[in-house]
Amino acid sequence: MKVRPNEPTPSGRVARRQPRDPPGSSDNTTPGQVLKIIATDRGSAADIPAWARDTDNELLGSHEDDGVFTYYVRKGAED
């Protein structure tokens, strides 16, 4: 059985994305594609830039508006 990230499993636990999976990614993302990531978690201000560095993705920019954080990340080359 395939469980989608962030959905409850039969045991009631929530499946989480693996650290290298870009937030909001799917199998049809390609290197060079720009992902728009929207978050409401203040921790994303540290997490998204760190994730981009650690996964060879490029953080193009970010901004915060009334507690909503928006990030633009260019997907890096496939491993």
N, C-alpha and C. Protein backbone atom coordinates (compact mmCIF):
# COMPACT_ATOMS: atom_id res chain seq x y z
N MET A 1 0.83 -1.17 0.00
CA MET A 1 0.00 0.00 0.00
C MET A 1 0.88 1.24 0.00
N LYS A 2 0.62 2.16 -0.91
CA LYS A 2 1.38 3.41 -0.97
C LYS A 2 0.63 4.48 -0.18
N VAL A 3 1.35 5.13 0.73
CA VAL A 3 0.75 6.17 1.56
C VAL A 3 1.28 7.51 1.09
N ARG A 4 0.38 8.45 0.87
CA ARG A 4 0.79 9.80 0.46
C ARG A 4 1.36 10.53 1.68
N PRO A 5 2.40 11.36 1.48
CA PRO A 5 2.96 12.12 2.60
C PRO A 5 1.89 12.96 3.27
N ASN A 6 2.02 13.07 4.58
CA ASN A 6 1.15 13.89 5.43
C ASN A 6 -0.30 13.41 5.49
N GLU A 7 -0.56 12.16 5.10
CA GLU A 7 -1.88 11.58 5.26
C GLU A 7 -1.79 10.46 6.28
N PRO A 8 -2.85 10.27 7.06
CA PRO A 8 -2.82 9.21 8.07
C PRO A 8 -2.66 7.83 7.44
N THR A 9 -1.88 7.01 8.08
CA THR A 9 -1.72 5.62 7.67
C THR A 9 -2.80 4.80 8.38
N PRO A 10 -2.94 3.51 8.02
CA PRO A 10 -3.93 2.68 8.73
C PRO A 10 -3.70 2.64 10.24
N SER A 11 -2.46 2.84 10.68
CA SER A 11 -2.18 2.81 12.12
C SER A 11 -2.52 4.14 12.79
N GLY A 12 -2.91 5.14 11.98
CA GLY A 12 -3.24 6.45 12.53
C GLY A 12 -2.08 7.41 12.55
N ARG A 13 -0.90 6.92 12.20
CA ARG A 13 0.27 7.80 12.14
C ARG A 13 0.27 8.57 10.84
N VAL A 14 0.99 9.67 10.82
CA VAL A 14 1.06 10.49 9.62
C VAL A 14 2.38 10.22 8.91
N ALA A 15 2.29 9.88 7.62
CA ALA A 15 3.50 9.67 6.84
C ALA A 15 4.17 11.01 6.58
N ARG A 16 5.45 11.08 6.67
CA ARG A 16 6.20 12.32 6.44
C ARG A 16 7.07 12.18 5.20
N ARG A 17 7.30 13.29 4.53
CA ARG A 17 8.19 13.29 3.38
C ARG A 17 9.61 12.98 3.84
N GLN A 18 10.36 12.39 2.96
CA GLN A 18 11.77 12.17 3.24
C GLN A 18 12.48 13.52 3.15
N PRO A 19 13.58 13.73 3.88
CA PRO A 19 14.25 15.03 3.91
C PRO A 19 14.63 15.58 2.54
N ARG A 20 14.92 14.74 1.57
CA ARG A 20 15.37 15.23 0.26
C ARG A 20 14.20 15.58 -0.66
N ASP A 21 12.97 15.24 -0.28
CA ASP A 21 11.82 15.57 -1.11
C ASP A 21 11.47 17.05 -0.96
N PRO A 22 11.48 17.81 -2.04
CA PRO A 22 11.08 19.21 -1.91
C PRO A 22 9.63 19.32 -1.47
N PRO A 23 9.34 20.24 -0.56
CA PRO A 23 7.96 20.43 -0.17
C PRO A 23 7.09 20.72 -1.39
N GLY A 24 5.97 20.05 -1.50
CA GLY A 24 5.08 20.27 -2.63
C GLY A 24 5.54 19.60 -3.91
N SER A 25 6.58 18.78 -3.82
CA SER A 25 7.10 18.17 -5.04
C SER A 25 6.23 16.99 -5.46
N SER A 26 6.40 16.62 -6.69
CA SER A 26 5.77 15.42 -7.21
C SER A 26 6.75 14.78 -8.18
N ASP A 27 6.40 13.64 -8.71
CA ASP A 27 7.30 12.93 -9.61
C ASP A 27 7.54 13.67 -10.92
N ASN A 28 6.75 14.68 -11.23
CA ASN A 28 6.92 15.35 -12.51
C ASN A 28 7.70 16.67 -12.42
N THR A 29 8.37 16.93 -11.30
CA THR A 29 9.22 18.11 -11.23
C THR A 29 10.53 17.82 -11.94
N THR A 30 11.09 18.84 -12.57
CA THR A 30 12.31 18.66 -13.33
C THR A 30 13.37 19.66 -12.88
N PRO A 31 14.65 19.33 -13.06
CA PRO A 31 15.71 20.27 -12.71
C PRO A 31 15.49 21.61 -13.42
N GLY A 32 15.70 22.68 -12.69
CA GLY A 32 15.51 24.02 -13.23
C GLY A 32 14.13 24.58 -12.98
N GLN A 33 13.18 23.72 -12.66
CA GLN A 33 11.82 24.19 -12.38
C GLN A 33 11.82 25.01 -11.09
N VAL A 34 11.04 26.08 -11.06
CA VAL A 34 10.93 26.92 -9.87
C VAL A 34 9.68 26.51 -9.09
N LEU A 35 9.91 26.17 -7.83
CA LEU A 35 8.83 25.78 -6.94
C LEU A 35 8.46 26.97 -6.06
N LYS A 36 7.18 27.23 -5.91
CA LYS A 36 6.69 28.24 -4.98
C LYS A 36 6.21 27.48 -3.76
N ILE A 37 6.82 27.79 -2.63
CA ILE A 37 6.50 27.09 -1.38
C ILE A 37 5.86 28.09 -0.44
N ILE A 38 4.68 27.76 0.07
CA ILE A 38 3.96 28.63 0.99
C ILE A 38 3.87 27.92 2.33
N ALA A 39 4.24 28.63 3.40
CA ALA A 39 4.23 28.04 4.74
C ALA A 39 3.68 29.04 5.75
N THR A 40 3.13 28.52 6.83
CA THR A 40 2.69 29.38 7.93
C THR A 40 3.50 29.12 9.19
N ASP A 41 4.45 28.21 9.11
CA ASP A 41 5.31 27.87 10.24
C ASP A 41 6.52 28.80 10.26
N ARG A 42 6.69 29.56 11.35
CA ARG A 42 7.84 30.48 11.45
C ARG A 42 9.17 29.74 11.31
N GLY A 43 9.19 28.48 11.69
CA GLY A 43 10.41 27.69 11.56
C GLY A 43 10.87 27.51 10.13
N SER A 44 9.95 27.72 9.19
CA SER A 44 10.32 27.59 7.78
C SER A 44 11.37 28.62 7.37
N ALA A 45 11.45 29.74 8.09
CA ALA A 45 12.45 30.77 7.78
C ALA A 45 13.87 30.23 7.91
N ALA A 46 14.07 29.26 8.76
CA ALA A 46 15.37 28.59 8.88
C ALA A 46 15.38 27.28 8.10
N ASP A 47 14.27 26.56 8.12
CA ASP A 47 14.21 25.22 7.52
C ASP A 47 14.34 25.22 6.00
N ILE A 48 13.62 26.10 5.31
CA ILE A 48 13.64 26.08 3.85
C ILE A 48 15.01 26.45 3.30
N PRO A 49 15.66 27.53 3.77
CA PRO A 49 17.01 27.81 3.27
C PRO A 49 18.01 26.68 3.55
N ALA A 50 17.91 26.08 4.74
CA ALA A 50 18.82 24.97 5.07
C ALA A 50 18.55 23.78 4.18
N TRP A 51 17.28 23.46 3.96
CA TRP A 51 16.92 22.35 3.08
C TRP A 51 17.44 22.61 1.67
N ALA A 52 17.28 23.83 1.17
CA ALA A 52 17.74 24.15 -0.19
C ALA A 52 19.25 23.93 -0.31
N ARG A 53 20.01 24.42 0.68
CA ARG A 53 21.47 24.22 0.66
C ARG A 53 21.84 22.74 0.71
N ASP A 54 21.19 22.01 1.60
CA ASP A 54 21.52 20.60 1.81
C ASP A 54 21.15 19.71 0.63
N THR A 55 20.24 20.16 -0.22
CA THR A 55 19.76 19.32 -1.33
C THR A 55 20.16 19.88 -2.69
N ASP A 56 21.08 20.83 -2.71
CA ASP A 56 21.56 21.43 -3.96
C ASP A 56 20.46 22.08 -4.78
N ASN A 57 19.47 22.63 -4.08
CA ASN A 57 18.45 23.45 -4.72
C ASN A 57 18.84 24.91 -4.45
N GLU A 58 18.31 25.84 -5.23
CA GLU A 58 18.69 27.24 -5.10
C GLU A 58 17.51 28.07 -4.60
N LEU A 59 17.68 28.69 -3.43
CA LEU A 59 16.66 29.58 -2.91
C LEU A 59 16.78 30.90 -3.67
N LEU A 60 15.76 31.23 -4.46
CA LEU A 60 15.79 32.43 -5.29
C LEU A 60 15.31 33.66 -4.53
N GLY A 61 14.42 33.46 -3.59
CA GLY A 61 13.90 34.59 -2.82
C GLY A 61 12.83 34.13 -1.87
N SER A 62 12.49 35.04 -0.96
CA SER A 62 11.43 34.74 0.01
C SER A 62 10.86 36.04 0.54
N HIS A 63 9.64 35.94 1.07
CA HIS A 63 9.05 37.08 1.76
C HIS A 63 7.99 36.58 2.72
N GLU A 64 7.66 37.43 3.69
CA GLU A 64 6.66 37.11 4.69
C GLU A 64 5.60 38.21 4.66
N ASP A 65 4.35 37.82 4.68
CA ASP A 65 3.26 38.77 4.69
C ASP A 65 2.19 38.28 5.67
N ASP A 66 2.08 38.96 6.79
CA ASP A 66 1.06 38.65 7.79
C ASP A 66 1.09 37.18 8.22
N GLY A 67 2.29 36.68 8.50
CA GLY A 67 2.44 35.31 8.99
C GLY A 67 2.45 34.23 7.93
N VAL A 68 2.40 34.62 6.66
CA VAL A 68 2.48 33.65 5.56
C VAL A 68 3.84 33.84 4.88
N PHE A 69 4.62 32.78 4.87
CA PHE A 69 5.96 32.81 4.30
C PHE A 69 5.93 32.20 2.91
N THR A 70 6.50 32.90 1.95
CA THR A 70 6.55 32.41 0.58
C THR A 70 8.00 32.30 0.15
N TYR A 71 8.36 31.17 -0.46
CA TYR A 71 9.72 30.90 -0.91
C TYR A 71 9.68 30.49 -2.37
N TYR A 72 10.71 30.88 -3.10
CA TYR A 72 10.87 30.48 -4.49
C TYR A 72 12.19 29.72 -4.57
N VAL A 73 12.11 28.46 -4.99
CA VAL A 73 13.27 27.58 -5.02
C VAL A 73 13.39 26.95 -6.39
N ARG A 74 14.58 27.08 -7.00
CA ARG A 74 14.85 26.41 -8.26
C ARG A 74 15.36 25.02 -7.96
N LYS A 75 14.69 24.02 -8.53
CA LYS A 75 15.07 22.63 -8.29
C LYS A 75 16.43 22.36 -8.93
N GLY A 76 17.31 21.74 -8.16
CA GLY A 76 18.64 21.41 -8.64
C GLY A 76 18.64 20.17 -9.52
N ALA A 77 19.83 19.80 -9.94
CA ALA A 77 20.00 18.63 -10.80
C ALA A 77 19.64 17.36 -10.06
N GLU A 78 19.18 16.37 -10.80
CA GLU A 78 18.89 15.06 -10.22
C GLU A 78 20.19 14.42 -9.74
N ASP A 79 20.08 13.58 -8.70
CA ASP A 79 21.27 12.86 -8.21
C ASP A 79 21.69 11.80 -9.18
